[in-house]
C-alpha atoms as a PDB file:
ATOM      1  CA  MET A   1    -144.795  16.190 163.163  1.00  0.00           C
ATOM      2  CA  THR A   2    -144.381  19.723 165.124  1.00  0.00           C
ATOM      3  CA  THR A   3    -141.286  20.541 165.971  1.00  0.00           C
ATOM      4  CA  LYS A   4    -140.560  20.919 169.538  1.00  0.00           C
ATOM      5  CA  LEU A   5    -138.766  24.041 171.193  1.00  0.00           C
ATOM      6  CA  SER A   6    -136.270  23.884 173.804  1.00  0.00           C
ATOM      7  CA  VAL A   7    -135.717  27.174 175.118  1.00  0.00           C
ATOM      8  CA  ASN A   8    -131.449  27.341 176.160  1.00  0.00           C
ATOM      9  CA  LEU A   9    -131.280  29.584 179.536  1.00  0.00           C
ATOM     10  CA  ASN A  10    -127.509  29.986 179.193  1.00  0.00           C
ATOM     11  CA  LYS A  11    -127.569  33.713 178.549  1.00  0.00           C
ATOM     12  CA  VAL A  12    -129.796  34.555 181.323  1.00  0.00           C
ATOM     13  CA  ALA A  13    -127.320  33.117 183.646  1.00  0.00           C
ATOM     14  CA  LEU A  14    -124.550  35.062 182.026  1.00  0.00           C
ATOM     15  CA  ILE A  15    -126.263  38.584 182.571  1.00  0.00           C
ATOM     16  CA  ARG A  16    -126.888  37.569 186.120  1.00  0.00           C
ATOM     17  CA  ASN A  17    -123.461  36.588 186.488  1.00  0.00           C
ATOM     18  CA  SER A  18    -122.037  40.058 185.126  1.00  0.00           C
ATOM     19  CA  ARG A  19    -123.224  41.149 188.627  1.00  0.00           C
ATOM     20  CA  ASP A  20    -122.973  39.464 192.459  1.00  0.00           C
ATOM     21  CA  THR A  21    -126.743  39.342 192.543  1.00  0.00           C
ATOM     22  CA  THR A  22    -129.568  36.847 191.932  1.00  0.00           C
ATOM     23  CA  ILE A  23    -131.010  38.892 189.097  1.00  0.00           C
ATOM     24  CA  PRO A  24    -132.395  37.789 186.543  1.00  0.00           C
ATOM     25  CA  SER A  25    -133.377  34.264 187.937  1.00  0.00           C
ATOM     26  CA  VAL A  26    -132.922  31.323 186.044  1.00  0.00           C
ATOM     27  CA  VAL A  27    -135.919  29.340 187.161  1.00  0.00           C
ATOM     28  CA  GLU A  28    -138.403  32.646 186.946  1.00  0.00           C
ATOM     29  CA  ALA A  29    -136.903  32.492 182.869  1.00  0.00           C
ATOM     30  CA  ALA A  30    -137.820  28.867 182.724  1.00  0.00           C
ATOM     31  CA  GLU A  31    -141.140  29.465 183.779  1.00  0.00           C
ATOM     32  CA  VAL A  32    -141.835  32.533 181.499  1.00  0.00           C
ATOM     33  CA  ALA A  33    -140.695  30.435 178.516  1.00  0.00           C
ATOM     34  CA  ILE A  34    -143.249  27.350 179.520  1.00  0.00           C
ATOM     35  CA  ALA A  35    -145.909  29.970 179.936  1.00  0.00           C
ATOM     36  CA  ALA A  36    -145.370  30.964 176.460  1.00  0.00           C
ATOM     37  CA  GLY A  37    -145.191  27.576 174.648  1.00  0.00           C
ATOM     38  CA  ALA A  38    -142.065  26.035 175.111  1.00  0.00           C
ATOM     39  CA  ASP A  39    -141.902  22.437 175.391  1.00  0.00           C
ATOM     40  CA  GLY A  40    -138.392  22.085 177.005  1.00  0.00           C
ATOM     41  CA  ILE A  41    -135.835  24.043 178.999  1.00  0.00           C
ATOM     42  CA  THR A  42    -131.999  23.533 177.739  1.00  0.00           C
ATOM     43  CA  VAL A  43    -128.842  23.976 179.929  1.00  0.00           C
ATOM     44  CA  HIS A  44    -125.410  23.918 178.957  1.00  0.00           C
ATOM     45  CA  PRO A  45    -122.839  23.971 182.493  1.00  0.00           C
ATOM     46  CA  ARG A  46    -119.046  24.108 181.730  1.00  0.00           C
ATOM     47  CA  PRO A  47    -116.385  23.846 184.096  1.00  0.00           C
ATOM     48  CA  ASP A  48    -115.536  27.511 184.239  1.00  0.00           C
ATOM     49  CA  MET A  49    -119.066  27.976 185.082  1.00  0.00           C
ATOM     50  CA  ARG A  50    -119.663  31.092 183.048  1.00  0.00           C
ATOM     51  CA  HIS A  51    -123.091  30.958 182.775  1.00  0.00           C
ATOM     52  CA  ILE A  52    -125.174  27.980 183.981  1.00  0.00           C
ATOM     53  CA  ARG A  53    -124.166  27.195 187.304  1.00  0.00           C
ATOM     54  CA  PRO A  54    -124.501  23.887 189.330  1.00  0.00           C
ATOM     55  CA  ASP A  55    -127.163  25.224 191.530  1.00  0.00           C
ATOM     56  CA  ASP A  56    -128.961  26.462 188.291  1.00  0.00           C
ATOM     57  CA  VAL A  57    -129.285  22.693 187.074  1.00  0.00           C
ATOM     58  CA  TYR A  58    -130.358  21.413 190.264  1.00  0.00           C
ATOM     59  CA  ASP A  59    -132.974  24.253 190.550  1.00  0.00           C
ATOM     60  CA  LEU A  60    -134.336  23.525 187.318  1.00  0.00           C
ATOM     61  CA  ALA A  61    -134.676  19.953 187.929  1.00  0.00           C
ATOM     62  CA  GLN A  62    -136.791  20.602 191.525  1.00  0.00           C
ATOM     63  CA  LEU A  63    -138.976  22.892 188.905  1.00  0.00           C
ATOM     64  CA  LEU A  64    -139.441  20.708 186.251  1.00  0.00           C
ATOM     65  CA  ALA A  65    -140.202  17.689 188.709  1.00  0.00           C
ATOM     66  CA  ARG A  66    -143.536  19.703 189.837  1.00  0.00           C
ATOM     67  CA  PRO A  67    -146.267  17.833 188.658  1.00  0.00           C
ATOM     68  CA  GLU A  68    -147.700  20.791 186.598  1.00  0.00           C
ATOM     69  CA  TYR A  69    -144.650  20.622 184.155  1.00  0.00           C
ATOM     70  CA  ALA A  70    -144.945  16.631 183.691  1.00  0.00           C
ATOM     71  CA  HIS A  71    -144.704  17.534 179.941  1.00  0.00           C
ATOM     72  CA  ILE A  72    -141.961  19.743 180.107  1.00  0.00           C
ATOM     73  CA  GLU A  73    -138.384  18.056 178.683  1.00  0.00           C
ATOM     74  CA  PHE A  74    -135.202  19.095 180.867  1.00  0.00           C
ATOM     75  CA  ASN A  75    -132.444  18.708 178.416  1.00  0.00           C
ATOM     76  CA  ILE A  76    -128.589  19.275 179.898  1.00  0.00           C
ATOM     77  CA  GLU A  77    -125.553  19.484 177.501  1.00  0.00           C
ATOM     78  CA  GLY A  78    -121.914  19.264 177.789  1.00  0.00           C
ATOM     79  CA  ASN A  79    -118.838  17.366 177.665  1.00  0.00           C
ATOM     80  CA  PRO A  80    -118.858  13.949 179.111  1.00  0.00           C
ATOM     81  CA  TYR A  81    -115.350  14.066 179.711  1.00  0.00           C
ATOM     82  CA  ALA A  82    -115.793  17.536 181.865  1.00  0.00           C
ATOM     83  CA  GLY A  83    -115.018  16.268 185.356  1.00  0.00           C
ATOM     84  CA  PRO A  84    -114.768  17.879 188.673  1.00  0.00           C
ATOM     85  CA  GLU A  85    -113.442  21.234 188.549  1.00  0.00           C
ATOM     86  CA  GLY A  86    -113.582  24.213 191.303  1.00  0.00           C
ATOM     87  CA  GLY A  87    -116.994  24.197 192.074  1.00  0.00           C
ATOM     88  CA  TYR A  88    -118.154  22.442 189.112  1.00  0.00           C
ATOM     89  CA  PRO A  89    -119.051  18.571 189.896  1.00  0.00           C
ATOM     90  CA  GLY A  90    -118.863  17.113 186.714  1.00  0.00           C
ATOM     91  CA  PHE A  91    -121.154  16.680 183.600  1.00  0.00           C
ATOM     92  CA  MET A  92    -121.737  12.989 184.316  1.00  0.00           C
ATOM     93  CA  GLU A  93    -122.585  13.926 188.211  1.00  0.00           C
ATOM     94  CA  LEU A  94    -125.122  16.721 186.969  1.00  0.00           C
ATOM     95  CA  ILE A  95    -126.875  13.909 184.899  1.00  0.00           C
ATOM     96  CA  GLU A  96    -126.900  11.457 187.729  1.00  0.00           C
ATOM     97  CA  GLN A  97    -127.948  14.234 190.403  1.00  0.00           C
ATOM     98  CA  THR A  98    -130.711  15.174 188.217  1.00  0.00           C
ATOM     99  CA  ARG A  99    -131.863  12.305 185.703  1.00  0.00           C
ATOM    100  CA  ALA A 100    -132.460  14.955 182.737  1.00  0.00           C
ATOM    101  CA  HIS A 101    -134.803  13.270 180.421  1.00  0.00           C
ATOM    102  CA  GLN A 102    -132.119  14.320 177.604  1.00  0.00           C
ATOM    103  CA  ALA A 103    -128.414  14.301 178.197  1.00  0.00           C
ATOM    104  CA  THR A 104    -126.619  15.887 174.901  1.00  0.00           C
ATOM    105  CA  LEU A 105    -123.325  15.359 174.419  1.00  0.00           C
ATOM    106  CA  VAL A 106    -121.139  18.148 173.119  1.00  0.00           C
ATOM    107  CA  PRO A 107    -117.105  17.745 172.075  1.00  0.00           C
ATOM    108  CA  ASP A 108    -116.578  21.349 173.311  1.00  0.00           C
ATOM    109  CA  ASP A 109    -113.173  22.448 174.446  1.00  0.00           C
ATOM    110  CA  PRO A 110    -112.999  24.290 177.530  1.00  0.00           C
ATOM    111  CA  ASN A 111    -111.609  26.952 175.942  1.00  0.00           C
ATOM    112  CA  GLN A 112    -114.248  27.521 173.197  1.00  0.00           C
ATOM    113  CA  LEU A 113    -116.646  30.329 173.090  1.00  0.00           C
ATOM    114  CA  THR A 114    -119.381  28.151 172.018  1.00  0.00           C
ATOM    115  CA  SER A 115    -119.791  24.410 170.512  1.00  0.00           C
ATOM    116  CA  ASP A 116    -119.026  25.197 167.031  1.00  0.00           C
ATOM    117  CA  HIS A 117    -118.526  21.401 165.825  1.00  0.00           C
ATOM    118  CA  GLY A 118    -119.771  17.667 165.958  1.00  0.00           C
ATOM    119  CA  TRP A 119    -118.480  14.544 167.301  1.00  0.00           C
ATOM    120  CA  ASP A 120    -115.635  12.308 165.401  1.00  0.00           C
ATOM    121  CA  LEU A 121    -117.034   9.008 166.420  1.00  0.00           C
ATOM    122  CA  ARG A 122    -113.984   7.479 164.512  1.00  0.00           C
ATOM    123  CA  ALA A 123    -111.974   8.632 167.214  1.00  0.00           C
ATOM    124  CA  GLU A 124    -114.150   8.546 170.343  1.00  0.00           C
ATOM    125  CA  SER A 125    -116.796   5.597 169.817  1.00  0.00           C
ATOM    126  CA  ASN A 126    -115.357   3.365 172.172  1.00  0.00           C
ATOM    127  CA  ALA A 127    -114.534   5.780 174.948  1.00  0.00           C
ATOM    128  CA  LEU A 128    -118.188   7.186 174.225  1.00  0.00           C
ATOM    129  CA  ARG A 129    -120.131   3.666 174.624  1.00  0.00           C
ATOM    130  CA  ALA A 130    -119.918   3.098 178.208  1.00  0.00           C
ATOM    131  CA  ILE A 131    -120.827   6.821 178.779  1.00  0.00           C
ATOM    132  CA  VAL A 132    -123.876   6.364 176.577  1.00  0.00           C
ATOM    133  CA  THR A 133    -125.047   3.105 178.463  1.00  0.00           C
ATOM    134  CA  ARG A 134    -124.480   4.634 181.892  1.00  0.00           C
ATOM    135  CA  LEU A 135    -126.537   7.732 180.956  1.00  0.00           C
ATOM    136  CA  GLN A 136    -129.130   5.304 179.522  1.00  0.00           C
ATOM    137  CA  GLY A 137    -129.125   3.557 182.699  1.00  0.00           C
ATOM    138  CA  TRP A 138    -130.048   6.517 185.194  1.00  0.00           C
ATOM    139  CA  GLY A 139    -132.716   7.320 182.475  1.00  0.00           C
ATOM    140  CA  SER A 140    -131.766  10.205 180.489  1.00  0.00           C
ATOM    141  CA  ARG A 141    -132.093   9.791 176.709  1.00  0.00           C
ATOM    142  CA  VAL A 142    -128.652  10.690 174.608  1.00  0.00           C
ATOM    143  CA  SER A 143    -128.285  12.716 171.977  1.00  0.00           C
ATOM    144  CA  LEU A 144    -124.536  13.285 170.241  1.00  0.00           C
ATOM    145  CA  PHE A 145    -124.169  16.778 168.456  1.00  0.00           C
ATOM    146  CA  MET A 146    -123.055  15.944 165.122  1.00  0.00           C
ATOM    147  CA  ASP A 147    -122.182  17.568 161.871  1.00  0.00           C
ATOM    148  CA  PRO A 148    -124.009  16.897 158.597  1.00  0.00           C
ATOM    149  CA  ASP A 149    -122.243  13.591 157.767  1.00  0.00           C
ATOM    150  CA  ALA A 150    -123.845  10.503 156.697  1.00  0.00           C
ATOM    151  CA  GLU A 151    -121.239   8.040 157.954  1.00  0.00           C
ATOM    152  CA  GLN A 152    -120.454   9.966 161.286  1.00  0.00           C
ATOM    153  CA  ILE A 153    -124.056   9.519 161.577  1.00  0.00           C
ATOM    154  CA  GLY A 154    -124.320   5.965 161.268  1.00  0.00           C
ATOM    155  CA  ARG A 155    -121.691   5.923 164.034  1.00  0.00           C
ATOM    156  CA  ALA A 156    -123.902   7.556 166.081  1.00  0.00           C
ATOM    157  CA  ALA A 157    -126.718   5.054 165.377  1.00  0.00           C
ATOM    158  CA  ARG A 158    -124.535   2.229 166.019  1.00  0.00           C
ATOM    159  CA  LEU A 159    -123.698   3.469 169.680  1.00  0.00           C
ATOM    160  CA  GLY A 160    -127.262   2.878 170.393  1.00  0.00           C
ATOM    161  CA  VAL A 161    -127.912   6.747 171.076  1.00  0.00           C
ATOM    162  CA  GLU A 162    -131.866   7.701 170.721  1.00  0.00           C
ATOM    163  CA  ARG A 163    -131.178  11.181 168.772  1.00  0.00           C
ATOM    164  CA  ILE A 164    -128.431  13.537 167.473  1.00  0.00           C
ATOM    165  CA  GLU A 165    -128.357  17.111 167.253  1.00  0.00           C
ATOM    166  CA  LEU A 166    -127.032  18.512 164.206  1.00  0.00           C
ATOM    167  CA  TYR A 167    -124.902  21.574 164.919  1.00  0.00           C
ATOM    168  CA  THR A 168    -126.696  24.114 162.662  1.00  0.00           C
ATOM    169  CA  GLY A 169    -123.750  27.057 162.584  1.00  0.00           C
ATOM    170  CA  PRO A 170    -122.751  25.950 158.844  1.00  0.00           C
ATOM    171  CA  TYR A 171    -126.484  26.600 158.091  1.00  0.00           C
ATOM    172  CA  ALA A 172    -126.796  29.739 159.657  1.00  0.00           C
ATOM    173  CA  ASP A 173    -123.724  31.255 158.404  1.00  0.00           C
ATOM    174  CA  THR A 174    -124.770  30.334 155.139  1.00  0.00           C
ATOM    175  CA  TYR A 175    -128.510  31.236 154.997  1.00  0.00           C
ATOM    176  CA  GLY A 176    -129.517  33.924 152.174  1.00  0.00           C
ATOM    177  CA  THR A 177    -125.981  33.676 150.657  1.00  0.00           C
ATOM    178  CA  GLU A 178    -125.325  32.011 147.396  1.00  0.00           C
ATOM    179  CA  ALA A 179    -123.420  29.166 149.329  1.00  0.00           C
ATOM    180  CA  GLY A 180    -126.530  28.570 151.260  1.00  0.00           C
ATOM    181  CA  ASP A 181    -129.074  26.169 149.228  1.00  0.00           C
ATOM    182  CA  ALA A 182    -126.265  23.734 148.859  1.00  0.00           C
ATOM    183  CA  VAL A 183    -125.533  24.009 152.379  1.00  0.00           C
ATOM    184  CA  PHE A 184    -129.338  23.395 153.582  1.00  0.00           C
ATOM    185  CA  GLU A 185    -129.448  20.476 151.085  1.00  0.00           C
ATOM    186  CA  ALA A 186    -126.852  18.797 152.885  1.00  0.00           C
ATOM    187  CA  PHE A 187    -128.725  19.279 156.399  1.00  0.00           C
ATOM    188  CA  GLY A 188    -131.576  17.674 154.492  1.00  0.00           C
ATOM    189  CA  LYS A 189    -129.612  14.770 153.636  1.00  0.00           C
ATOM    190  CA  ALA A 190    -128.153  14.037 156.911  1.00  0.00           C
ATOM    191  CA  ALA A 191    -131.584  14.609 158.203  1.00  0.00           C
ATOM    192  CA  GLN A 192    -132.491  11.370 156.008  1.00  0.00           C
ATOM    193  CA  ALA A 193    -129.898   9.412 156.960  1.00  0.00           C
ATOM    194  CA  ALA A 194    -130.858  10.020 160.471  1.00  0.00           C
ATOM    195  CA  ALA A 195    -134.497   8.600 160.024  1.00  0.00           C
ATOM    196  CA  ASP A 196    -132.910   5.982 157.804  1.00  0.00           C
ATOM    197  CA  ALA A 197    -130.871   4.821 160.867  1.00  0.00           C
ATOM    198  CA  GLY A 198    -133.366   4.769 163.593  1.00  0.00           C
ATOM    199  CA  LEU A 199    -132.397   8.196 164.971  1.00  0.00           C
ATOM    200  CA  VAL A 200    -134.757  10.805 166.395  1.00  0.00           C
ATOM    201  CA  LEU A 201    -133.546  14.449 165.011  1.00  0.00           C
ATOM    202  CA  ASN A 202    -132.981  17.797 167.042  1.00  0.00           C
ATOM    203  CA  ALA A 203    -130.951  20.521 166.034  1.00  0.00           C
ATOM    204  CA  GLY A 204    -129.487  23.750 167.328  1.00  0.00           C
ATOM    205  CA  HIS A 205    -126.936  26.841 167.115  1.00  0.00           C
ATOM    206  CA  ASP A 206    -127.731  30.047 165.662  1.00  0.00           C
ATOM    207  CA  LEU A 207    -130.996  29.471 164.717  1.00  0.00           C
ATOM    208  CA  ASN A 208    -133.154  32.757 164.814  1.00  0.00           C
ATOM    209  CA  LEU A 209    -136.655  34.086 163.570  1.00  0.00           C
ATOM    210  CA  ASP A 210    -135.266  34.564 160.351  1.00  0.00           C
ATOM    211  CA  ASN A 211    -133.589  31.253 159.223  1.00  0.00           C
ATOM    212  CA  LEU A 212    -135.933  28.859 161.527  1.00  0.00           C
ATOM    213  CA  GLY A 213    -138.588  28.808 159.147  1.00  0.00           C
ATOM    214  CA  LYS A 214    -136.872  26.986 156.541  1.00  0.00           C
ATOM    215  CA  PHE A 215    -134.790  24.997 158.750  1.00  0.00           C
ATOM    216  CA  ALA A 216    -138.075  23.424 159.977  1.00  0.00           C
ATOM    217  CA  THR A 217    -138.898  22.110 157.359  1.00  0.00           C
ATOM    218  CA  VAL A 218    -136.234  19.333 157.172  1.00  0.00           C
ATOM    219  CA  THR A 219    -137.221  15.702 157.465  1.00  0.00           C
ATOM    220  CA  ALA A 220    -138.547  14.776 160.635  1.00  0.00           C
ATOM    221  CA  LEU A 221    -137.068  17.667 162.707  1.00  0.00           C
ATOM    222  CA  ALA A 222    -138.647  16.606 166.203  1.00  0.00           C
ATOM    223  CA  GLU A 223    -136.800  19.179 168.584  1.00  0.00           C
ATOM    224  CA  VAL A 224    -134.833  22.795 168.085  1.00  0.00           C
ATOM    225  CA  SER A 225    -132.810  24.099 171.069  1.00  0.00           C
ATOM    226  CA  ILE A 226    -132.525  27.990 170.910  1.00  0.00           C
ATOM    227  CA  GLY A 227    -131.126  29.876 173.255  1.00  0.00           C
ATOM    228  CA  HIS A 228    -128.707  32.998 172.134  1.00  0.00           C
ATOM    229  CA  ALA A 229    -131.338  34.061 169.385  1.00  0.00           C
ATOM    230  CA  ILE A 230    -134.376  34.014 172.146  1.00  0.00           C
ATOM    231  CA  ILE A 231    -132.716  35.793 174.730  1.00  0.00           C
ATOM    232  CA  SER A 232    -131.129  38.835 172.398  1.00  0.00           C
ATOM    233  CA  ASP A 233    -135.138  39.133 171.025  1.00  0.00           C
ATOM    234  CA  ALA A 234    -135.948  39.081 174.465  1.00  0.00           C
ATOM    235  CA  LEU A 235    -133.959  42.369 175.457  1.00  0.00           C
ATOM    236  CA  PHE A 236    -136.340  44.247 173.126  1.00  0.00           C
ATOM    237  CA  ARG A 237    -139.564  42.337 173.360  1.00  0.00           C
ATOM    238  CA  GLY A 238    -139.562  40.300 176.523  1.00  0.00           C
ATOM    239  CA  LEU A 239    -138.996  36.926 176.946  1.00  0.00           C
ATOM    240  CA  GLY A 240    -143.034  35.589 176.638  1.00  0.00           C
ATOM    241  CA  PRO A 241    -143.676  37.283 173.473  1.00  0.00           C
ATOM    242  CA  VAL A 242    -140.803  36.096 171.897  1.00  0.00           C
ATOM    243  CA  VAL A 243    -140.574  32.720 173.114  1.00  0.00           C
ATOM    244  CA  ALA A 244    -144.244  32.643 171.862  1.00  0.00           C
ATOM    245  CA  ASP A 245    -143.109  33.760 168.037  1.00  0.00           C
ATOM    246  CA  TYR A 246    -140.798  30.739 168.033  1.00  0.00           C
ATOM    247  CA  LYS A 247    -143.399  28.584 168.931  1.00  0.00           C
ATOM    248  CA  ALA A 248    -145.846  29.835 166.560  1.00  0.00           C
ATOM    249  CA  LEU A 249    -143.569  29.670 163.714  1.00  0.00           C
ATOM    250  CA  LEU A 250    -143.015  26.126 164.628  1.00  0.00           C
ATOM    251  CA  THR A 251    -146.480  25.450 164.605  1.00  0.00           C
ATOM    252  CA  SER A 252    -147.796  27.356 161.576  1.00  0.00           C
END
């Protein structure tokens, strides 16, 4: 199975938002990434709108609704409990309005710099169950952002979600160190637990051209979502060539 590449465009919006301008264009970045081989586009809108804004979500949904992009997946990540705030309409409203192909639910706090842990479903299963059902009723596949914990992954399966996304920060942090092999083994066991539970496996966070090749050998890895490393590399080599390199690594 070839692992699909979804390109996260948050950092494109972050650069744009540093000035009162429309440059660089998030939509144009999506078009370049797709032309270079991306299988999907990911955004993670937050209530503070520090990067992706609601208009970006709507514009990308309109772009990806074009017939020539019928094969491209739109993945919206975020905290489903994030409601309306200022110009932010709420995560669930964004999904309802766009009917994204995939809704990836992330337990991030508004004050977090970035996502840094998965769901604790011992505390959240009852509350999330209705949310999962509503999202699926809108036609969106649901993925939960999870740590490599087999017991928690089993709880995710019992919620009826189709996928999980493993938080790969610990793998990236220990890659190439003495602790790296043990951490990678833990992710392998988590991947097998997901497969045994009937869940399709996604992964993301701090994956890059150095560490992605090894992680892509994990059992039945369907999709990776990568943003920071791709946009960082693109500053030096261009977005199209960089996306092509990531895609080539996943298909080699």
